[in-house]
Amino acid sequence: MYRFLLTPRWWAINLFLLLSIPVCVFMGSWQLGRFEDRVDSHQDRRERTVDGISDAETRPLDDLLPLTEDTVGEPARATGRYDDHEFLVPGRGIGDRDGFYVLSMLRIDGDPALPVVRGWLPGKADPSRVPEAPDGEVTVTGVLQAPESQSSQGARAGALPDGQLGIISAATLVNEVPYDVHNVWIAVQEPQEPMEAVPPTTPEGSGLDVKAFQNLGYTAQWFVFAGFALFMWYRLFRREVEIARDLALGIEPDPAPAPDAPGTSGVPGISGPEASPETPETAEKTAR
């Protein structure tokens, strides 16, 4: 009864099934792994924000550049000296409190300067409330952040008084300082008092964002494809078994209905003159 499985047609169907199922399972597992990686990355950043950064976790700045999706939010360290260029970045809140960032420039020997957000203070931007930057050579540790854009900051990028910035990026700093600047910045997680640490921002494409749940949706999609392939194989197999059983019992399968011949009415069993009712005029013409 199952000899049809040895026909070339069923060899092709079975080969397609044997190839498609592992591919669907592999792709679904890969998408699930991507989702789990984003969840783990999101959890690591949350724990880092709460527990702080240890020296063992930090990596040299040069090892994290150029900036990528994987290096944004990573603990970094850089050694240099603060210069006299310091800026306030107003309109930045923590929770329901409004305040401003304190941005200083760290000069690194042989490299562009590094913007460092030394901390956050509540209220209006006031340079008199900002503690002085440490003198001499210092090693700064913090969370590596991507440059901000005007679209993400909106009105903050408008006209501001001297000594204030609306956006933290090399594009805005190039007109403020007479040297090259890294197009990244570091948020210090252990600032000087009375400043508070700036919570690391989650970069686009990481953490539990839309892309993470897209990965989860793709996971379900690939496993549905695998199930659909099995279902279609089962439907074809059951149909072939029923046909083989009918032939074994001497029952011929129903032939496909033939298309209507030319001149037929389109009504099964009725063709030619019988296709329409006879009228007196047609009857008289027939009699003649």
C-alpha atoms as a PDB file:
ATOM      1  CA  MET A   1       0.000   0.000   0.000  1.00  0.00           C
ATOM      2  CA  TYR A   2       2.923   2.324   0.665  1.00  0.00           C
ATOM      3  CA  ARG A   3       4.820   1.535  -2.512  1.00  0.00           C
ATOM      4  CA  PHE A   4       4.004   5.008  -3.777  1.00  0.00           C
ATOM      5  CA  LEU A   5       6.674   6.301  -1.359  1.00  0.00           C
ATOM      6  CA  LEU A   6       9.282   4.803  -3.712  1.00  0.00           C
ATOM      7  CA  THR A   7       8.145   6.809  -6.733  1.00  0.00           C
ATOM      8  CA  PRO A   8      10.335   9.732  -7.959  1.00  0.00           C
ATOM      9  CA  ARG A   9       7.599  12.193  -7.007  1.00  0.00           C
ATOM     10  CA  TRP A  10       7.597  11.078  -3.388  1.00  0.00           C
ATOM     11  CA  TRP A  11      11.387  10.912  -3.281  1.00  0.00           C
ATOM     12  CA  ALA A  12      11.362  14.619  -4.140  1.00  0.00           C
ATOM     13  CA  ILE A  13       8.648  15.379  -1.549  1.00  0.00           C
ATOM     14  CA  ASN A  14      10.481  13.494   1.206  1.00  0.00           C
ATOM     15  CA  LEU A  15      13.808  15.128   0.320  1.00  0.00           C
ATOM     16  CA  PHE A  16      12.205  18.573   0.492  1.00  0.00           C
ATOM     17  CA  LEU A  17      10.743  17.747   3.912  1.00  0.00           C
ATOM     18  CA  LEU A  18      14.047  16.399   5.251  1.00  0.00           C
ATOM     19  CA  LEU A  19      15.829  19.588   4.153  1.00  0.00           C
ATOM     20  CA  SER A  20      13.183  22.145   5.109  1.00  0.00           C
ATOM     21  CA  ILE A  21      12.552  20.954   8.695  1.00  0.00           C
ATOM     22  CA  PRO A  22      16.191  21.301   9.879  1.00  0.00           C
ATOM     23  CA  VAL A  23      16.513  24.672   8.128  1.00  0.00           C
ATOM     24  CA  CYS A  24      13.349  25.995   9.820  1.00  0.00           C
ATOM     25  CA  VAL A  25      14.441  24.661  13.221  1.00  0.00           C
ATOM     26  CA  PHE A  26      17.926  26.155  12.816  1.00  0.00           C
ATOM     27  CA  MET A  27      16.610  29.574  11.777  1.00  0.00           C
ATOM     28  CA  GLY A  28      14.043  29.571  14.601  1.00  0.00           C
ATOM     29  CA  SER A  29      16.717  28.637  17.144  1.00  0.00           C
ATOM     30  CA  TRP A  30      19.023  31.349  15.789  1.00  0.00           C
ATOM     31  CA  GLN A  31      16.327  34.013  16.101  1.00  0.00           C
ATOM     32  CA  LEU A  32      15.558  32.792  19.632  1.00  0.00           C
ATOM     33  CA  GLY A  33      19.255  33.100  20.477  1.00  0.00           C
ATOM     34  CA  ARG A  34      19.274  36.675  19.183  1.00  0.00           C
ATOM     35  CA  PHE A  35      16.307  37.493  21.425  1.00  0.00           C
ATOM     36  CA  GLU A  36      17.996  35.909  24.459  1.00  0.00           C
ATOM     37  CA  ASP A  37      21.200  37.865  23.736  1.00  0.00           C
ATOM     38  CA  ARG A  38      19.246  41.124  23.718  1.00  0.00           C
ATOM     39  CA  VAL A  39      17.514  40.168  26.974  1.00  0.00           C
ATOM     40  CA  ASP A  40      20.873  39.341  28.599  1.00  0.00           C
ATOM     41  CA  SER A  41      22.384  42.597  27.325  1.00  0.00           C
ATOM     42  CA  HIS A  42      19.456  44.562  28.696  1.00  0.00           C
ATOM     43  CA  GLN A  43      19.746  42.803  32.071  1.00  0.00           C
ATOM     44  CA  ASP A  44      23.509  43.385  32.230  1.00  0.00           C
ATOM     45  CA  ARG A  45      23.055  47.106  31.636  1.00  0.00           C
ATOM     46  CA  ARG A  46      20.356  47.310  34.321  1.00  0.00           C
ATOM     47  CA  GLU A  47      22.567  45.524  36.849  1.00  0.00           C
ATOM     48  CA  ARG A  48      25.512  47.716  35.911  1.00  0.00           C
ATOM     49  CA  THR A  49      23.414  50.816  36.511  1.00  0.00           C
ATOM     50  CA  VAL A  50      22.367  49.605  39.965  1.00  0.00           C
ATOM     51  CA  ASP A  51      25.613  47.997  41.150  1.00  0.00           C
ATOM     52  CA  GLY A  52      28.123  50.317  39.485  1.00  0.00           C
ATOM     53  CA  ILE A  53      31.210  49.405  37.491  1.00  0.00           C
ATOM     54  CA  SER A  54      34.221  47.575  38.846  1.00  0.00           C
ATOM     55  CA  ASP A  55      37.721  48.222  37.533  1.00  0.00           C
ATOM     56  CA  ALA A  56      37.926  44.623  36.299  1.00  0.00           C
ATOM     57  CA  GLU A  57      34.932  45.175  34.002  1.00  0.00           C
ATOM     58  CA  THR A  58      36.326  48.222  32.223  1.00  0.00           C
ATOM     59  CA  ARG A  59      38.203  48.056  28.925  1.00  0.00           C
ATOM     60  CA  PRO A  60      40.531  50.618  27.338  1.00  0.00           C
ATOM     61  CA  LEU A  61      38.742  53.112  25.140  1.00  0.00           C
ATOM     62  CA  ASP A  62      40.776  52.127  22.075  1.00  0.00           C
ATOM     63  CA  ASP A  63      39.550  48.522  22.394  1.00  0.00           C
ATOM     64  CA  LEU A  64      35.921  49.680  22.119  1.00  0.00           C
ATOM     65  CA  LEU A  65      36.379  51.882  19.065  1.00  0.00           C
ATOM     66  CA  PRO A  66      35.066  52.252  16.447  1.00  0.00           C
ATOM     67  CA  LEU A  67      31.701  52.358  18.133  1.00  0.00           C
ATOM     68  CA  THR A  68      29.294  49.537  17.294  1.00  0.00           C
ATOM     69  CA  GLU A  69      25.968  48.280  18.568  1.00  0.00           C
ATOM     70  CA  ASP A  70      27.836  45.801  20.776  1.00  0.00           C
ATOM     71  CA  THR A  71      30.230  48.332  22.348  1.00  0.00           C
ATOM     72  CA  VAL A  72      27.682  51.044  23.174  1.00  0.00           C
ATOM     73  CA  GLY A  73      26.960  50.849  26.873  1.00  0.00           C
ATOM     74  CA  GLU A  74      30.143  48.929  27.678  1.00  0.00           C
ATOM     75  CA  PRO A  75      32.349  49.942  30.647  1.00  0.00           C
ATOM     76  CA  ALA A  76      35.342  51.930  29.394  1.00  0.00           C
ATOM     77  CA  ARG A  77      38.367  53.689  30.836  1.00  0.00           C
ATOM     78  CA  ALA A  78      40.643  56.409  29.522  1.00  0.00           C
ATOM     79  CA  THR A  79      43.634  58.238  30.971  1.00  0.00           C
ATOM     80  CA  GLY A  80      44.347  61.922  30.404  1.00  0.00           C
ATOM     81  CA  ARG A  81      44.000  65.419  31.812  1.00  0.00           C
ATOM     82  CA  TYR A  82      40.972  67.670  32.040  1.00  0.00           C
ATOM     83  CA  ASP A  83      41.445  71.062  30.387  1.00  0.00           C
ATOM     84  CA  ASP A  84      39.585  74.351  30.885  1.00  0.00           C
ATOM     85  CA  HIS A  85      36.828  73.567  28.393  1.00  0.00           C
ATOM     86  CA  GLU A  86      33.717  72.641  30.342  1.00  0.00           C
ATOM     87  CA  PHE A  87      30.083  72.773  29.236  1.00  0.00           C
ATOM     88  CA  LEU A  88      26.671  72.433  30.807  1.00  0.00           C
ATOM     89  CA  VAL A  89      23.984  70.436  29.032  1.00  0.00           C
ATOM     90  CA  PRO A  90      20.590  71.673  30.281  1.00  0.00           C
ATOM     91  CA  GLY A  91      17.188  70.037  30.022  1.00  0.00           C
ATOM     92  CA  ARG A  92      18.283  66.587  31.165  1.00  0.00           C
ATOM     93  CA  GLY A  93      16.145  64.784  33.698  1.00  0.00           C
ATOM     94  CA  ILE A  94      16.592  61.816  35.984  1.00  0.00           C
ATOM     95  CA  GLY A  95      13.269  60.310  36.913  1.00  0.00           C
ATOM     96  CA  ASP A  96      10.831  63.176  37.441  1.00  0.00           C
ATOM     97  CA  ARG A  97      13.584  65.703  38.268  1.00  0.00           C
ATOM     98  CA  ASP A  98      14.928  68.158  35.726  1.00  0.00           C
ATOM     99  CA  GLY A  99      18.552  69.185  35.700  1.00  0.00           C
ATOM    100  CA  PHE A 100      21.715  69.375  33.610  1.00  0.00           C
ATOM    101  CA  TYR A 101      24.821  67.396  32.717  1.00  0.00           C
ATOM    102  CA  VAL A 102      28.360  68.569  33.462  1.00  0.00           C
ATOM    103  CA  LEU A 103      30.507  67.882  30.397  1.00  0.00           C
ATOM    104  CA  SER A 104      34.307  68.175  30.567  1.00  0.00           C
ATOM    105  CA  MET A 105      36.967  67.479  27.944  1.00  0.00           C
ATOM    106  CA  LEU A 106      39.623  64.857  28.747  1.00  0.00           C
ATOM    107  CA  ARG A 107      42.812  65.430  26.744  1.00  0.00           C
ATOM    108  CA  ILE A 108      44.459  62.123  25.812  1.00  0.00           C
ATOM    109  CA  ASP A 109      48.072  62.090  24.579  1.00  0.00           C
ATOM    110  CA  GLY A 110      48.223  61.263  20.899  1.00  0.00           C
ATOM    111  CA  ASP A 111      44.438  60.857  20.553  1.00  0.00           C
ATOM    112  CA  PRO A 112      41.425  63.136  20.093  1.00  0.00           C
ATOM    113  CA  ALA A 113      39.910  64.533  23.271  1.00  0.00           C
ATOM    114  CA  LEU A 114      37.178  62.547  24.986  1.00  0.00           C
ATOM    115  CA  PRO A 115      33.932  64.216  26.156  1.00  0.00           C
ATOM    116  CA  VAL A 116      33.233  63.098  29.714  1.00  0.00           C
ATOM    117  CA  VAL A 117      29.924  63.675  31.490  1.00  0.00           C
ATOM    118  CA  ARG A 118      31.216  63.956  35.042  1.00  0.00           C
ATOM    119  CA  GLY A 119      27.747  63.938  36.563  1.00  0.00           C
ATOM    120  CA  TRP A 120      24.267  65.475  36.839  1.00  0.00           C
ATOM    121  CA  LEU A 121      22.894  68.274  38.992  1.00  0.00           C
ATOM    122  CA  PRO A 122      19.236  69.189  39.554  1.00  0.00           C
ATOM    123  CA  GLY A 123      17.741  72.560  38.706  1.00  0.00           C
ATOM    124  CA  LYS A 124      18.784  75.195  36.194  1.00  0.00           C
ATOM    125  CA  ALA A 125      22.224  75.109  34.609  1.00  0.00           C
ATOM    126  CA  ASP A 126      24.515  77.089  36.920  1.00  0.00           C
ATOM    127  CA  PRO A 127      28.324  76.835  36.597  1.00  0.00           C
ATOM    128  CA  SER A 128      28.823  78.081  40.154  1.00  0.00           C
ATOM    129  CA  ARG A 129      27.338  74.853  41.514  1.00  0.00           C
ATOM    130  CA  VAL A 130      29.701  72.606  39.550  1.00  0.00           C
ATOM    131  CA  PRO A 131      32.704  71.164  41.427  1.00  0.00           C
ATOM    132  CA  GLU A 132      36.077  71.691  39.775  1.00  0.00           C
ATOM    133  CA  ALA A 133      37.474  68.893  37.655  1.00  0.00           C
ATOM    134  CA  PRO A 134      40.373  66.935  39.197  1.00  0.00           C
ATOM    135  CA  ASP A 135      43.875  68.282  38.455  1.00  0.00           C
ATOM    136  CA  GLY A 136      46.682  66.295  36.882  1.00  0.00           C
ATOM    137  CA  GLU A 137      46.506  62.954  35.153  1.00  0.00           C
ATOM    138  CA  VAL A 138      43.375  60.957  35.906  1.00  0.00           C
ATOM    139  CA  THR A 139      41.906  57.643  34.792  1.00  0.00           C
ATOM    140  CA  VAL A 140      38.225  58.025  33.990  1.00  0.00           C
ATOM    141  CA  THR A 141      35.914  55.010  34.093  1.00  0.00           C
ATOM    142  CA  GLY A 142      32.336  55.047  32.921  1.00  0.00           C
ATOM    143  CA  VAL A 143      29.829  53.809  30.386  1.00  0.00           C
ATOM    144  CA  LEU A 144      30.575  54.410  26.721  1.00  0.00           C
ATOM    145  CA  GLN A 145      27.754  56.291  24.996  1.00  0.00           C
ATOM    146  CA  ALA A 146      26.891  57.028  21.373  1.00  0.00           C
ATOM    147  CA  PRO A 147      26.792  60.618  20.078  1.00  0.00           C
ATOM    148  CA  GLU A 148      23.419  62.281  20.335  1.00  0.00           C
ATOM    149  CA  SER A 149      21.455  63.541  17.355  1.00  0.00           C
ATOM    150  CA  GLN A 150      19.197  66.532  16.846  1.00  0.00           C
ATOM    151  CA  SER A 151      16.213  64.279  16.116  1.00  0.00           C
ATOM    152  CA  SER A 152      16.640  62.509  19.476  1.00  0.00           C
ATOM    153  CA  GLN A 153      17.046  65.728  21.473  1.00  0.00           C
ATOM    154  CA  GLY A 154      14.586  67.981  19.631  1.00  0.00           C
ATOM    155  CA  ALA A 155      14.352  71.503  21.027  1.00  0.00           C
ATOM    156  CA  ARG A 156      17.428  71.002  23.209  1.00  0.00           C
ATOM    157  CA  ALA A 157      19.566  71.588  20.135  1.00  0.00           C
ATOM    158  CA  GLY A 158      18.354  75.174  19.801  1.00  0.00           C
ATOM    159  CA  ALA A 159      20.227  78.388  20.658  1.00  0.00           C
ATOM    160  CA  LEU A 160      21.789  78.269  24.110  1.00  0.00           C
ATOM    161  CA  PRO A 161      23.985  80.667  26.143  1.00  0.00           C
ATOM    162  CA  ASP A 162      27.756  80.422  25.934  1.00  0.00           C
ATOM    163  CA  GLY A 163      29.130  77.478  27.837  1.00  0.00           C
ATOM    164  CA  GLN A 164      26.039  75.345  27.239  1.00  0.00           C
ATOM    165  CA  LEU A 165      25.350  72.584  24.704  1.00  0.00           C
ATOM    166  CA  GLY A 166      22.134  71.008  23.546  1.00  0.00           C
ATOM    167  CA  ILE A 167      23.669  67.897  21.984  1.00  0.00           C
ATOM    168  CA  ILE A 168      26.691  65.838  22.996  1.00  0.00           C
ATOM    169  CA  SER A 169      28.491  64.991  19.778  1.00  0.00           C
ATOM    170  CA  ALA A 170      31.673  65.809  17.881  1.00  0.00           C
ATOM    171  CA  ALA A 171      29.596  67.856  15.422  1.00  0.00           C
ATOM    172  CA  THR A 172      28.586  70.347  18.130  1.00  0.00           C
ATOM    173  CA  LEU A 173      31.935  70.350  19.952  1.00  0.00           C
ATOM    174  CA  VAL A 174      34.042  71.003  16.841  1.00  0.00           C
ATOM    175  CA  ASN A 175      33.023  74.678  16.958  1.00  0.00           C
ATOM    176  CA  GLU A 176      33.614  74.946  20.709  1.00  0.00           C
ATOM    177  CA  VAL A 177      37.117  73.493  21.176  1.00  0.00           C
ATOM    178  CA  PRO A 178      40.304  73.962  19.083  1.00  0.00           C
ATOM    179  CA  TYR A 179      41.152  70.253  18.744  1.00  0.00           C
ATOM    180  CA  ASP A 180      39.783  66.961  17.478  1.00  0.00           C
ATOM    181  CA  VAL A 181      37.150  65.187  19.543  1.00  0.00           C
ATOM    182  CA  HIS A 182      36.056  61.560  19.729  1.00  0.00           C
ATOM    183  CA  ASN A 183      32.514  61.128  18.444  1.00  0.00           C
ATOM    184  CA  VAL A 184      31.586  59.228  21.634  1.00  0.00           C
ATOM    185  CA  TRP A 185      31.304  60.184  25.286  1.00  0.00           C
ATOM    186  CA  ILE A 186      31.627  58.556  28.688  1.00  0.00           C
ATOM    187  CA  ALA A 187      29.125  58.844  31.531  1.00  0.00           C
ATOM    188  CA  VAL A 188      31.023  58.605  34.846  1.00  0.00           C
ATOM    189  CA  GLN A 189      29.225  56.275  37.268  1.00  0.00           C
ATOM    190  CA  GLU A 190      31.024  57.459  40.439  1.00  0.00           C
ATOM    191  CA  PRO A 191      30.908  61.273  40.195  1.00  0.00           C
ATOM    192  CA  GLN A 192      32.174  63.888  42.606  1.00  0.00           C
ATOM    193  CA  GLU A 193      29.701  65.123  45.196  1.00  0.00           C
ATOM    194  CA  PRO A 194      27.163  66.689  45.007  1.00  0.00           C
ATOM    195  CA  MET A 195      26.790  65.440  41.425  1.00  0.00           C
ATOM    196  CA  GLU A 196      24.822  62.281  40.660  1.00  0.00           C
ATOM    197  CA  ALA A 197      25.639  59.582  38.124  1.00  0.00           C
ATOM    198  CA  VAL A 198      23.984  59.804  34.717  1.00  0.00           C
ATOM    199  CA  PRO A 199      22.026  56.601  33.980  1.00  0.00           C
ATOM    200  CA  PRO A 200      23.364  54.904  30.838  1.00  0.00           C
ATOM    201  CA  THR A 201      21.030  55.209  27.887  1.00  0.00           C
ATOM    202  CA  THR A 202      20.053  52.099  25.940  1.00  0.00           C
ATOM    203  CA  PRO A 203      21.350  52.329  22.364  1.00  0.00           C
ATOM    204  CA  GLU A 204      19.060  51.775  19.426  1.00  0.00           C
ATOM    205  CA  GLY A 205      18.931  48.169  18.329  1.00  0.00           C
ATOM    206  CA  SER A 206      19.775  46.720  21.722  1.00  0.00           C
ATOM    207  CA  GLY A 207      17.937  45.758  24.871  1.00  0.00           C
ATOM    208  CA  LEU A 208      14.206  45.018  24.919  1.00  0.00           C
ATOM    209  CA  ASP A 209      13.236  47.232  22.004  1.00  0.00           C
ATOM    210  CA  VAL A 210      11.122  46.555  18.903  1.00  0.00           C
ATOM    211  CA  LYS A 211      13.918  44.603  17.244  1.00  0.00           C
ATOM    212  CA  ALA A 212      14.126  42.225  20.192  1.00  0.00           C
ATOM    213  CA  PHE A 213      10.452  41.333  19.904  1.00  0.00           C
ATOM    214  CA  GLN A 214      10.844  41.052  16.125  1.00  0.00           C
ATOM    215  CA  ASN A 215      13.402  38.325  16.794  1.00  0.00           C
ATOM    216  CA  LEU A 216      10.861  36.589  19.022  1.00  0.00           C
ATOM    217  CA  GLY A 217       8.205  36.880  16.304  1.00  0.00           C
ATOM    218  CA  TYR A 218      10.573  35.455  13.686  1.00  0.00           C
ATOM    219  CA  THR A 219      11.272  32.545  16.042  1.00  0.00           C
ATOM    220  CA  ALA A 220       7.581  31.627  16.116  1.00  0.00           C
ATOM    221  CA  GLN A 221       7.337  32.157  12.358  1.00  0.00           C
ATOM    222  CA  TRP A 222      10.100  29.657  11.535  1.00  0.00           C
ATOM    223  CA  PHE A 223       8.616  26.988  13.809  1.00  0.00           C
ATOM    224  CA  VAL A 224       5.213  27.551  12.201  1.00  0.00           C
ATOM    225  CA  PHE A 225       6.836  26.989   8.797  1.00  0.00           C
ATOM    226  CA  ALA A 226       8.251  23.681  10.059  1.00  0.00           C
ATOM    227  CA  GLY A 227       4.841  22.614  11.358  1.00  0.00           C
ATOM    228  CA  PHE A 228       3.165  23.630   8.106  1.00  0.00           C
ATOM    229  CA  ALA A 229       5.619  21.528   6.068  1.00  0.00           C
ATOM    230  CA  LEU A 230       4.831  18.483   8.237  1.00  0.00           C
ATOM    231  CA  PHE A 231       1.092  19.125   7.942  1.00  0.00           C
ATOM    232  CA  MET A 232       1.208  19.357   4.134  1.00  0.00           C
ATOM    233  CA  TRP A 233       3.278  16.154   3.926  1.00  0.00           C
ATOM    234  CA  TYR A 234       0.717  14.379   6.093  1.00  0.00           C
ATOM    235  CA  ARG A 235      -2.161  15.625   3.912  1.00  0.00           C
ATOM    236  CA  LEU A 236      -0.475  14.377   0.739  1.00  0.00           C
ATOM    237  CA  PHE A 237       0.440  11.075   2.380  1.00  0.00           C
ATOM    238  CA  ARG A 238      -3.117  10.429   3.624  1.00  0.00           C
ATOM    239  CA  ARG A 239      -4.543  11.223   0.174  1.00  0.00           C
ATOM    240  CA  GLU A 240      -2.180   8.770  -1.493  1.00  0.00           C
ATOM    241  CA  VAL A 241      -3.062   6.074   1.056  1.00  0.00           C
ATOM    242  CA  GLU A 242      -6.781   6.555   0.407  1.00  0.00           C
ATOM    243  CA  ILE A 243      -6.256   6.285  -3.349  1.00  0.00           C
ATOM    244  CA  ALA A 244      -4.141   3.142  -2.929  1.00  0.00           C
ATOM    245  CA  ARG A 245      -6.814   1.580  -0.662  1.00  0.00           C
ATOM    246  CA  ASP A 246      -9.564   2.327  -3.189  1.00  0.00           C
ATOM    247  CA  LEU A 247      -7.539   0.759  -6.007  1.00  0.00           C
ATOM    248  CA  ALA A 248      -6.934  -2.328  -3.871  1.00  0.00           C
ATOM    249  CA  LEU A 249     -10.710  -2.658  -3.410  1.00  0.00           C
ATOM    250  CA  GLY A 250     -11.320  -2.215  -7.153  1.00  0.00           C
ATOM    251  CA  ILE A 251     -12.752   1.273  -6.785  1.00  0.00           C
ATOM    252  CA  GLU A 252     -11.619   3.625  -9.500  1.00  0.00           C
ATOM    253  CA  PRO A 253     -10.927   7.194  -8.360  1.00  0.00           C
ATOM    254  CA  ASP A 254     -13.437   9.743  -9.600  1.00  0.00           C
ATOM    255  CA  PRO A 255     -12.196  11.312 -12.851  1.00  0.00           C
ATOM    256  CA  ALA A 256     -11.908  15.039 -13.004  1.00  0.00           C
ATOM    257  CA  PRO A 257     -14.985  16.628 -14.634  1.00  0.00           C
ATOM    258  CA  ALA A 258     -14.361  17.469 -18.285  1.00  0.00           C
ATOM    259  CA  PRO A 259     -14.952  21.046 -19.436  1.00  0.00           C
ATOM    260  CA  ASP A 260     -18.211  21.764 -21.251  1.00  0.00           C
ATOM    261  CA  ALA A 261     -18.077  21.191 -24.992  1.00  0.00           C
ATOM    262  CA  PRO A 262     -18.677  24.105 -27.375  1.00  0.00           C
ATOM    263  CA  GLY A 263     -22.304  24.928 -27.786  1.00  0.00           C
ATOM    264  CA  THR A 264     -23.396  23.496 -24.477  1.00  0.00           C
ATOM    265  CA  SER A 265     -25.432  25.458 -22.022  1.00  0.00           C
ATOM    266  CA  GLY A 266     -23.023  25.093 -19.149  1.00  0.00           C
ATOM    267  CA  VAL A 267     -25.662  23.137 -17.202  1.00  0.00           C
ATOM    268  CA  PRO A 268     -24.585  19.558 -16.505  1.00  0.00           C
ATOM    269  CA  GLY A 269     -26.568  17.019 -18.593  1.00  0.00           C
ATOM    270  CA  ILE A 270     -28.189  19.669 -20.822  1.00  0.00           C
ATOM    271  CA  SER A 271     -26.830  20.804 -24.155  1.00  0.00           C
ATOM    272  CA  GLY A 272     -27.988  22.099 -27.541  1.00  0.00           C
ATOM    273  CA  PRO A 273     -31.641  23.063 -27.998  1.00  0.00           C
ATOM    274  CA  GLU A 274     -32.523  21.573 -24.632  1.00  0.00           C
ATOM    275  CA  ALA A 275     -30.523  24.239 -22.957  1.00  0.00           C
ATOM    276  CA  SER A 276     -33.331  26.808 -23.245  1.00  0.00           C
ATOM    277  CA  PRO A 277     -37.118  26.465 -23.012  1.00  0.00           C
ATOM    278  CA  GLU A 278     -39.063  26.205 -26.332  1.00  0.00           C
ATOM    279  CA  THR A 279     -41.091  29.288 -27.302  1.00  0.00           C
ATOM    280  CA  PRO A 280     -43.925  29.547 -29.866  1.00  0.00           C
ATOM    281  CA  GLU A 281     -41.617  31.268 -32.339  1.00  0.00           C
ATOM    282  CA  THR A 282     -39.002  28.539 -32.147  1.00  0.00           C
ATOM    283  CA  ALA A 283     -41.679  25.845 -32.424  1.00  0.00           C
ATOM    284  CA  GLU A 284     -43.064  27.442 -35.628  1.00  0.00           C
ATOM    285  CA  LYS A 285     -39.580  27.633 -37.146  1.00  0.00           C
ATOM    286  CA  THR A 286     -38.999  23.982 -36.283  1.00  0.00           C
ATOM    287  CA  ALA A 287     -42.282  22.951 -37.944  1.00  0.00           C
ATOM    288  CA  ARG A 288     -41.333  24.698 -41.163  1.00  0.00           C
END
